[in-house]
Amino acid sequence: MRFLAALVALTSLVGCAQYDETRRANLEAAAQEQVAAHDANCQASGLKPGSAEYDDCRKRLANEQANKGTRGYQRMLNVMENDRGGRPFGQ
């Protein structure tokens, strides 16, 4: 019985480790795709990498992307607030 419990625990841990590795790889791939998309967008505007205008374009796109994430988080908080009818948590 102890062996079975240990086997289940170890199998669960292996599954968690694989999930974390897959998640990390997916996040890295998404970040690389975002960088490539920003690069392509700025170069399509005729800007050359290394120029001040290109750097400004990349910074602007990165800030816009960061703001999208913040707005999404704020929307989620608003939905949570509305779902509980304005009552404090636990009531």
PDB file of N, CA and C in Angstrom:
ATOM      1  N   MET A   1       0.819  -1.187   0.000  1.00  0.00           N
ATOM      2  CA  MET A   1       0.000   0.000   0.000  1.00  0.00           C
ATOM      3  C   MET A   1       0.872   1.264   0.000  1.00  0.00           C
ATOM      4  N   ARG A   2       1.947   1.231   0.797  1.00  0.00           N
ATOM      5  CA  ARG A   2       2.853   2.389   0.836  1.00  0.00           C
ATOM      6  C   ARG A   2       3.530   2.579  -0.511  1.00  0.00           C
ATOM      7  N   PHE A   3       3.882   1.462  -1.123  1.00  0.00           N
ATOM      8  CA  PHE A   3       4.514   1.534  -2.436  1.00  0.00           C
ATOM      9  C   PHE A   3       3.586   2.200  -3.444  1.00  0.00           C
ATOM     10  N   LEU A   4       2.317   1.844  -3.413  1.00  0.00           N
ATOM     11  CA  LEU A   4       1.336   2.416  -4.331  1.00  0.00           C
ATOM     12  C   LEU A   4       1.175   3.911  -4.079  1.00  0.00           C
ATOM     13  N   ALA A   5       1.122   4.313  -2.818  1.00  0.00           N
ATOM     14  CA  ALA A   5       1.000   5.735  -2.479  1.00  0.00           C
ATOM     15  C   ALA A   5       2.230   6.507  -2.959  1.00  0.00           C
ATOM     16  N   ALA A   6       3.403   5.927  -2.769  1.00  0.00           N
ATOM     17  CA  ALA A   6       4.635   6.580  -3.218  1.00  0.00           C
ATOM     18  C   ALA A   6       4.665   6.679  -4.741  1.00  0.00           C
ATOM     19  N   LEU A   7       4.212   5.644  -5.401  1.00  0.00           N
ATOM     20  CA  LEU A   7       4.176   5.649  -6.866  1.00  0.00           C
ATOM     21  C   LEU A   7       3.236   6.733  -7.386  1.00  0.00           C
ATOM     22  N   VAL A   8       2.081   6.866  -6.778  1.00  0.00           N
ATOM     23  CA  VAL A   8       1.125   7.905  -7.181  1.00  0.00           C
ATOM     24  C   VAL A   8       1.726   9.286  -6.949  1.00  0.00           C
ATOM     25  N   ALA A   9       2.370   9.494  -5.805  1.00  0.00           N
ATOM     26  CA  ALA A   9       2.980  10.790  -5.498  1.00  0.00           C
ATOM     27  C   ALA A   9       4.087  11.126  -6.499  1.00  0.00           C
ATOM     28  N   LEU A  10       4.945  10.168  -6.804  1.00  0.00           N
ATOM     29  CA  LEU A  10       6.033  10.419  -7.755  1.00  0.00           C
ATOM     30  C   LEU A  10       5.508  10.688  -9.159  1.00  0.00           C
ATOM     31  N   THR A  11       4.489   9.961  -9.560  1.00  0.00           N
ATOM     32  CA  THR A  11       3.886  10.182 -10.879  1.00  0.00           C
ATOM     33  C   THR A  11       3.301  11.585 -10.971  1.00  0.00           C
ATOM     34  N   SER A  12       2.663  12.033  -9.897  1.00  0.00           N
ATOM     35  CA  SER A  12       2.101  13.389  -9.877  1.00  0.00           C
ATOM     36  C   SER A  12       3.195  14.431  -9.990  1.00  0.00           C
ATOM     37  N   LEU A  13       4.301  14.224  -9.287  1.00  0.00           N
ATOM     38  CA  LEU A  13       5.402  15.182  -9.339  1.00  0.00           C
ATOM     39  C   LEU A  13       6.020  15.247 -10.726  1.00  0.00           C
ATOM     40  N   VAL A  14       6.158  14.118 -11.372  1.00  0.00           N
ATOM     41  CA  VAL A  14       6.703  14.094 -12.733  1.00  0.00           C
ATOM     42  C   VAL A  14       5.770  14.849 -13.669  1.00  0.00           C
ATOM     43  N   GLY A  15       4.479  14.656 -13.499  1.00  0.00           N
ATOM     44  CA  GLY A  15       3.503  15.362 -14.329  1.00  0.00           C
ATOM     45  C   GLY A  15       3.593  16.865 -14.131  1.00  0.00           C
ATOM     46  N   CYS A  16       3.760  17.300 -12.902  1.00  0.00           N
ATOM     47  CA  CYS A  16       3.890  18.734 -12.615  1.00  0.00           C
ATOM     48  C   CYS A  16       5.150  19.301 -13.253  1.00  0.00           C
ATOM     49  N   ALA A  17       6.244  18.574 -13.157  1.00  0.00           N
ATOM     50  CA  ALA A  17       7.500  19.037 -13.738  1.00  0.00           C
ATOM     51  C   ALA A  17       7.382  19.168 -15.253  1.00  0.00           C
ATOM     52  N   GLN A  18       6.723  18.208 -15.890  1.00  0.00           N
ATOM     53  CA  GLN A  18       6.542  18.276 -17.340  1.00  0.00           C
ATOM     54  C   GLN A  18       5.645  19.452 -17.704  1.00  0.00           C
ATOM     55  N   TYR A  19       4.606  19.694 -16.918  1.00  0.00           N
ATOM     56  CA  TYR A  19       3.714  20.828 -17.182  1.00  0.00           C
ATOM     57  C   TYR A  19       4.489  22.141 -17.082  1.00  0.00           C
ATOM     58  N   ASP A  20       5.306  22.292 -16.035  1.00  0.00           N
ATOM     59  CA  ASP A  20       6.072  23.519 -15.856  1.00  0.00           C
ATOM     60  C   ASP A  20       7.039  23.741 -17.013  1.00  0.00           C
ATOM     61  N   GLU A  21       7.689  22.681 -17.460  1.00  0.00           N
ATOM     62  CA  GLU A  21       8.637  22.803 -18.571  1.00  0.00           C
ATOM     63  C   GLU A  21       7.918  23.199 -19.861  1.00  0.00           C
ATOM     64  N   THR A  22       6.767  22.580 -20.109  1.00  0.00           N
ATOM     65  CA  THR A  22       5.989  22.910 -21.306  1.00  0.00           C
ATOM     66  C   THR A  22       5.498  24.346 -21.244  1.00  0.00           C
ATOM     67  N   ARG A  23       5.020  24.751 -20.080  1.00  0.00           N
ATOM     68  CA  ARG A  23       4.522  26.121 -19.907  1.00  0.00           C
ATOM     69  C   ARG A  23       5.649  27.134 -20.138  1.00  0.00           C
ATOM     70  N   ARG A  24       6.827  26.865 -19.569  1.00  0.00           N
ATOM     71  CA  ARG A  24       7.963  27.762 -19.743  1.00  0.00           C
ATOM     72  C   ARG A  24       8.350  27.868 -21.216  1.00  0.00           C
ATOM     73  N   ALA A  25       8.383  26.739 -21.900  1.00  0.00           N
ATOM     74  CA  ALA A  25       8.734  26.740 -23.321  1.00  0.00           C
ATOM     75  C   ALA A  25       7.698  27.518 -24.130  1.00  0.00           C
ATOM     76  N   ASN A  26       6.426  27.362 -23.800  1.00  0.00           N
ATOM     77  CA  ASN A  26       5.376  28.092 -24.513  1.00  0.00           C
ATOM     78  C   ASN A  26       5.482  29.596 -24.277  1.00  0.00           C
ATOM     79  N   LEU A  27       5.790  29.993 -23.042  1.00  0.00           N
ATOM     80  CA  LEU A  27       5.943  31.418 -22.747  1.00  0.00           C
ATOM     81  C   LEU A  27       7.139  32.007 -23.480  1.00  0.00           C
ATOM     82  N   GLU A  28       8.235  31.258 -23.537  1.00  0.00           N
ATOM     83  CA  GLU A  28       9.414  31.734 -24.267  1.00  0.00           C
ATOM     84  C   GLU A  28       9.121  31.863 -25.755  1.00  0.00           C
ATOM     85  N   ALA A  29       8.407  30.900 -26.312  1.00  0.00           N
ATOM     86  CA  ALA A  29       8.064  30.953 -27.734  1.00  0.00           C
ATOM     87  C   ALA A  29       7.147  32.141 -28.020  1.00  0.00           C
ATOM     88  N   ALA A  30       6.193  32.382 -27.142  1.00  0.00           N
ATOM     89  CA  ALA A  30       5.287  33.518 -27.328  1.00  0.00           C
ATOM     90  C   ALA A  30       6.051  34.837 -27.249  1.00  0.00           C
ATOM     91  N   ALA A  31       6.999  34.926 -26.341  1.00  0.00           N
ATOM     92  CA  ALA A  31       7.799  36.147 -26.218  1.00  0.00           C
ATOM     93  C   ALA A  31       8.642  36.369 -27.466  1.00  0.00           C
ATOM     94  N   GLN A  32       9.221  35.303 -28.003  1.00  0.00           N
ATOM     95  CA  GLN A  32      10.023  35.429 -29.223  1.00  0.00           C
ATOM     96  C   GLN A  32       9.150  35.832 -30.411  1.00  0.00           C
ATOM     97  N   GLU A  33       7.949  35.282 -30.485  1.00  0.00           N
ATOM     98  CA  GLU A  33       7.033  35.660 -31.561  1.00  0.00           C
ATOM     99  C   GLU A  33       6.639  37.122 -31.443  1.00  0.00           C
ATOM    100  N   GLN A  34       6.439  37.593 -30.212  1.00  0.00           N
ATOM    101  CA  GLN A  34       6.074  38.998 -29.995  1.00  0.00           C
ATOM    102  C   GLN A  34       7.211  39.919 -30.423  1.00  0.00           C
ATOM    103  N   VAL A  35       8.437  39.556 -30.083  1.00  0.00           N
ATOM    104  CA  VAL A  35       9.597  40.362 -30.479  1.00  0.00           C
ATOM    105  C   VAL A  35       9.707  40.397 -32.008  1.00  0.00           C
ATOM    106  N   ALA A  36       9.522  39.251 -32.640  1.00  0.00           N
ATOM    107  CA  ALA A  36       9.602  39.198 -34.106  1.00  0.00           C
ATOM    108  C   ALA A  36       8.486  40.026 -34.751  1.00  0.00           C
ATOM    109  N   ALA A  37       7.289  39.986 -34.165  1.00  0.00           N
ATOM    110  CA  ALA A  37       6.175  40.764 -34.715  1.00  0.00           C
ATOM    111  C   ALA A  37       6.439  42.254 -34.570  1.00  0.00           C
ATOM    112  N   HIS A  38       6.964  42.676 -33.419  1.00  0.00           N
ATOM    113  CA  HIS A  38       7.287  44.089 -33.227  1.00  0.00           C
ATOM    114  C   HIS A  38       8.383  44.524 -34.193  1.00  0.00           C
ATOM    115  N   ASP A  39       9.389  43.684 -34.360  1.00  0.00           N
ATOM    116  CA  ASP A  39      10.482  43.990 -35.276  1.00  0.00           C
ATOM    117  C   ASP A  39       9.953  44.153 -36.700  1.00  0.00           C
ATOM    118  N   ALA A  40       9.124  43.200 -37.125  1.00  0.00           N
ATOM    119  CA  ALA A  40       8.578  43.260 -38.487  1.00  0.00           C
ATOM    120  C   ALA A  40       7.693  44.491 -38.671  1.00  0.00           C
ATOM    121  N   ASN A  41       6.913  44.824 -37.663  1.00  0.00           N
ATOM    122  CA  ASN A  41       6.023  45.985 -37.741  1.00  0.00           C
ATOM    123  C   ASN A  41       6.826  47.269 -37.894  1.00  0.00           C
ATOM    124  N   CYS A  42       7.876  47.424 -37.104  1.00  0.00           N
ATOM    125  CA  CYS A  42       8.686  48.639 -37.188  1.00  0.00           C
ATOM    126  C   CYS A  42       9.465  48.705 -38.503  1.00  0.00           C
ATOM    127  N   GLN A  43       9.992  47.570 -38.956  1.00  0.00           N
ATOM    128  CA  GLN A  43      10.725  47.574 -40.217  1.00  0.00           C
ATOM    129  C   GLN A  43       9.788  47.811 -41.397  1.00  0.00           C
ATOM    130  N   ALA A  44       8.543  47.347 -41.310  1.00  0.00           N
ATOM    131  CA  ALA A  44       7.577  47.581 -42.385  1.00  0.00           C
ATOM    132  C   ALA A  44       7.258  49.062 -42.522  1.00  0.00           C
ATOM    133  N   SER A  45       7.454  49.802 -41.437  1.00  0.00           N
ATOM    134  CA  SER A  45       7.233  51.251 -41.478  1.00  0.00           C
ATOM    135  C   SER A  45       8.411  51.981 -42.092  1.00  0.00           C
ATOM    136  N   GLY A  46       9.438  51.228 -42.484  1.00  0.00           N
ATOM    137  CA  GLY A  46      10.597  51.832 -43.123  1.00  0.00           C
ATOM    138  C   GLY A  46      11.705  52.201 -42.155  1.00  0.00           C
ATOM    139  N   LEU A  47      11.586  51.772 -40.917  1.00  0.00           N
ATOM    140  CA  LEU A  47      12.602  52.111 -39.922  1.00  0.00           C
ATOM    141  C   LEU A  47      13.709  51.063 -39.927  1.00  0.00           C
ATOM    142  N   LYS A  48      14.926  51.526 -39.739  1.00  0.00           N
ATOM    143  CA  LYS A  48      16.094  50.648 -39.764  1.00  0.00           C
ATOM    144  C   LYS A  48      16.495  50.285 -38.337  1.00  0.00           C
ATOM    145  N   PRO A  49      16.780  48.996 -38.097  1.00  0.00           N
ATOM    146  CA  PRO A  49      17.227  48.588 -36.762  1.00  0.00           C
ATOM    147  C   PRO A  49      18.465  49.371 -36.337  1.00  0.00           C
ATOM    148  N   GLY A  50      18.461  49.803 -35.079  1.00  0.00           N
ATOM    149  CA  GLY A  50      19.570  50.576 -34.542  1.00  0.00           C
ATOM    150  C   GLY A  50      19.330  52.068 -34.562  1.00  0.00           C
ATOM    151  N   SER A  51      18.357  52.527 -35.345  1.00  0.00           N
ATOM    152  CA  SER A  51      18.070  53.963 -35.375  1.00  0.00           C
ATOM    153  C   SER A  51      17.222  54.342 -34.168  1.00  0.00           C
ATOM    154  N   ALA A  52      17.246  55.601 -33.820  1.00  0.00           N
ATOM    155  CA  ALA A  52      16.471  56.091 -32.678  1.00  0.00           C
ATOM    156  C   ALA A  52      14.966  55.910 -32.934  1.00  0.00           C
ATOM    157  N   GLU A  53      14.549  56.118 -34.171  1.00  0.00           N
ATOM    158  CA  GLU A  53      13.135  55.964 -34.508  1.00  0.00           C
ATOM    159  C   GLU A  53      12.683  54.512 -34.359  1.00  0.00           C
ATOM    160  N   TYR A  54      13.551  53.597 -34.768  1.00  0.00           N
ATOM    161  CA  TYR A  54      13.248  52.164 -34.640  1.00  0.00           C
ATOM    162  C   TYR A  54      13.130  51.786 -33.165  1.00  0.00           C
ATOM    163  N   ASP A  55      14.074  52.263 -32.358  1.00  0.00           N
ATOM    164  CA  ASP A  55      14.027  51.977 -30.921  1.00  0.00           C
ATOM    165  C   ASP A  55      12.757  52.534 -30.289  1.00  0.00           C
ATOM    166  N   ASP A  56      12.367  53.752 -30.695  1.00  0.00           N
ATOM    167  CA  ASP A  56      11.129  54.341 -30.186  1.00  0.00           C
ATOM    168  C   ASP A  56       9.910  53.521 -30.595  1.00  0.00           C
ATOM    169  N   CYS A  57       9.914  53.033 -31.826  1.00  0.00           N
ATOM    170  CA  CYS A  57       8.814  52.203 -32.320  1.00  0.00           C
ATOM    171  C   CYS A  57       8.706  50.930 -31.483  1.00  0.00           C
ATOM    172  N   ARG A  58       9.829  50.278 -31.235  1.00  0.00           N
ATOM    173  CA  ARG A  58       9.829  49.044 -30.438  1.00  0.00           C
ATOM    174  C   ARG A  58       9.355  49.306 -29.022  1.00  0.00           C
ATOM    175  N   LYS A  59       9.798  50.406 -28.418  1.00  0.00           N
ATOM    176  CA  LYS A  59       9.369  50.747 -27.059  1.00  0.00           C
ATOM    177  C   LYS A  59       7.870  51.028 -27.025  1.00  0.00           C
ATOM    178  N   ARG A  60       7.371  51.738 -28.032  1.00  0.00           N
ATOM    179  CA  ARG A  60       5.947  52.055 -28.085  1.00  0.00           C
ATOM    180  C   ARG A  60       5.118  50.781 -28.185  1.00  0.00           C
ATOM    181  N   LEU A  61       5.521  49.865 -29.049  1.00  0.00           N
ATOM    182  CA  LEU A  61       4.787  48.606 -29.201  1.00  0.00           C
ATOM    183  C   LEU A  61       4.846  47.764 -27.925  1.00  0.00           C
ATOM    184  N   ALA A  62       6.000  47.749 -27.261  1.00  0.00           N
ATOM    185  CA  ALA A  62       6.126  46.998 -26.007  1.00  0.00           C
ATOM    186  C   ALA A  62       5.224  47.605 -24.935  1.00  0.00           C
ATOM    187  N   ASN A  63       5.166  48.929 -24.872  1.00  0.00           N
ATOM    188  CA  ASN A  63       4.291  49.588 -23.891  1.00  0.00           C
ATOM    189  C   ASN A  63       2.826  49.316 -24.192  1.00  0.00           C
ATOM    190  N   GLU A  64       2.448  49.332 -25.463  1.00  0.00           N
ATOM    191  CA  GLU A  64       1.068  49.023 -25.830  1.00  0.00           C
ATOM    192  C   GLU A  64       0.706  47.600 -25.417  1.00  0.00           C
ATOM    193  N   GLN A  65       1.626  46.668 -25.634  1.00  0.00           N
ATOM    194  CA  GLN A  65       1.386  45.276 -25.260  1.00  0.00           C
ATOM    195  C   GLN A  65       1.240  45.141 -23.748  1.00  0.00           C
ATOM    196  N   ALA A  66       2.077  45.850 -23.012  1.00  0.00           N
ATOM    197  CA  ALA A  66       2.000  45.799 -21.543  1.00  0.00           C
ATOM    198  C   ALA A  66       0.679  46.380 -21.059  1.00  0.00           C
ATOM    199  N   ASN A  67       0.217  47.453 -21.696  1.00  0.00           N
ATOM    200  CA  ASN A  67      -1.053  48.065 -21.296  1.00  0.00           C
ATOM    201  C   ASN A  67      -2.230  47.152 -21.592  1.00  0.00           C
ATOM    202  N   LYS A  68      -2.150  46.378 -22.662  1.00  0.00           N
ATOM    203  CA  LYS A  68      -3.226  45.432 -22.977  1.00  0.00           C
ATOM    204  C   LYS A  68      -3.375  44.418 -21.855  1.00  0.00           C
ATOM    205  N   GLY A  69      -2.254  43.940 -21.344  1.00  0.00           N
ATOM    206  CA  GLY A  69      -2.293  42.983 -20.248  1.00  0.00           C
ATOM    207  C   GLY A  69      -2.884  43.595 -18.995  1.00  0.00           C
ATOM    208  N   THR A  70      -2.533  44.851 -18.715  1.00  0.00           N
ATOM    209  CA  THR A  70      -3.058  45.533 -17.537  1.00  0.00           C
ATOM    210  C   THR A  70      -4.552  45.759 -17.671  1.00  0.00           C
ATOM    211  N   ARG A  71      -5.005  46.136 -18.850  1.00  0.00           N
ATOM    212  CA  ARG A  71      -6.447  46.349 -19.050  1.00  0.00           C
ATOM    213  C   ARG A  71      -7.210  45.043 -18.898  1.00  0.00           C
ATOM    214  N   GLY A  72      -6.645  43.951 -19.397  1.00  0.00           N
ATOM    215  CA  GLY A  72      -7.291  42.652 -19.251  1.00  0.00           C
ATOM    216  C   GLY A  72      -7.420  42.256 -17.794  1.00  0.00           C
ATOM    217  N   TYR A  73      -6.388  42.521 -17.011  1.00  0.00           N
ATOM    218  CA  TYR A  73      -6.426  42.212 -15.588  1.00  0.00           C
ATOM    219  C   TYR A  73      -7.482  43.063 -14.891  1.00  0.00           C
ATOM    220  N   GLN A  74      -7.546  44.344 -15.255  1.00  0.00           N
ATOM    221  CA  GLN A  74      -8.533  45.238 -14.652  1.00  0.00           C
ATOM    222  C   GLN A  74      -9.953  44.789 -15.005  1.00  0.00           C
ATOM    223  N   ARG A  75     -10.159  44.360 -16.257  1.00  0.00           N
ATOM    224  CA  ARG A  75     -11.470  43.845 -16.653  1.00  0.00           C
ATOM    225  C   ARG A  75     -11.863  42.632 -15.830  1.00  0.00           C
ATOM    226  N   MET A  76     -10.898  41.737 -15.598  1.00  0.00           N
ATOM    227  CA  MET A  76     -11.172  40.556 -14.802  1.00  0.00           C
ATOM    228  C   MET A  76     -11.572  40.944 -13.381  1.00  0.00           C
ATOM    229  N   LEU A  77     -10.873  41.916 -12.793  1.00  0.00           N
ATOM    230  CA  LEU A  77     -11.225  42.368 -11.450  1.00  0.00           C
ATOM    231  C   LEU A  77     -12.616  42.982 -11.426  1.00  0.00           C
ATOM    232  N   ASN A  78     -12.962  43.743 -12.466  1.00  0.00           N
ATOM    233  CA  ASN A  78     -14.290  44.349 -12.542  1.00  0.00           C
ATOM    234  C   ASN A  78     -15.378  43.294 -12.634  1.00  0.00           C
ATOM    235  N   VAL A  79     -15.144  42.260 -13.408  1.00  0.00           N
ATOM    236  CA  VAL A  79     -16.121  41.178 -13.531  1.00  0.00           C
ATOM    237  C   VAL A  79     -16.294  40.481 -12.191  1.00  0.00           C
ATOM    238  N   MET A  80     -15.190  40.237 -11.501  1.00  0.00           N
ATOM    239  CA  MET A  80     -15.272  39.598 -10.193  1.00  0.00           C
ATOM    240  C   MET A  80     -16.065  40.465  -9.223  1.00  0.00           C
ATOM    241  N   GLU A  81     -15.848  41.754  -9.261  1.00  0.00           N
ATOM    242  CA  GLU A  81     -16.571  42.682  -8.384  1.00  0.00           C
ATOM    243  C   GLU A  81     -18.060  42.657  -8.694  1.00  0.00           C
ATOM    244  N   ASN A  82     -18.414  42.665  -9.967  1.00  0.00           N
ATOM    245  CA  ASN A  82     -19.820  42.672 -10.363  1.00  0.00           C
ATOM    246  C   ASN A  82     -20.502  41.349 -10.062  1.00  0.00           C
ATOM    247  N   ASP A  83     -19.790  40.245 -10.161  1.00  0.00           N
ATOM    248  CA  ASP A  83     -20.375  38.930  -9.908  1.00  0.00           C
ATOM    249  C   ASP A  83     -20.808  38.757  -8.464  1.00  0.00           C
ATOM    250  N   ARG A  84     -20.133  39.421  -7.549  1.00  0.00           N
ATOM    251  CA  ARG A  84     -20.514  39.250  -6.150  1.00  0.00           C
ATOM    252  C   ARG A  84     -21.429  40.359  -5.672  1.00  0.00           C
ATOM    253  N   GLY A  85     -21.895  41.203  -6.576  1.00  0.00           N
ATOM    254  CA  GLY A  85     -22.896  42.212  -6.246  1.00  0.00           C
ATOM    255  C   GLY A  85     -22.399  43.318  -5.338  1.00  0.00           C
ATOM    256  N   GLY A  86     -21.114  43.597  -5.315  1.00  0.00           N
ATOM    257  CA  GLY A  86     -20.590  44.689  -4.511  1.00  0.00           C
ATOM    258  C   GLY A  86     -20.443  44.356  -3.037  1.00  0.00           C
ATOM    259  N   ARG A  87     -20.743  43.128  -2.650  1.00  0.00           N
ATOM    260  CA  ARG A  87     -20.621  42.732  -1.249  1.00  0.00           C
ATOM    261  C   ARG A  87     -19.174  42.354  -0.976  1.00  0.00           C
ATOM    262  N   PRO A  88     -18.712  42.582   0.248  1.00  0.00           N
ATOM    263  CA  PRO A  88     -17.358  42.135   0.591  1.00  0.00           C
ATOM    264  C   PRO A  88     -17.244  40.633   0.485  1.00  0.00           C
ATOM    265  N   PHE A  89     -16.041  40.145   0.241  1.00  0.00           N
ATOM    266  CA  PHE A  89     -15.826  38.705   0.145  1.00  0.00           C
ATOM    267  C   PHE A  89     -16.241  38.042   1.445  1.00  0.00           C
ATOM    268  N   GLY A  90     -16.848  36.885   1.336  1.00  0.00           N
ATOM    269  CA  GLY A  90     -17.260  36.129   2.502  1.00  0.00           C
ATOM    270  C   GLY A  90     -18.670  36.441   2.963  1.00  0.00           C
ATOM    271  N   GLN A  91     -19.323  37.365   2.309  1.00  0.00           N
ATOM    272  CA  GLN A  91     -20.708  37.696   2.704  1.00  0.00           C
ATOM    273  C   GLN A  91     -21.671  37.304   1.627  1.00  0.00           C
TER     274      GLN A  91
END
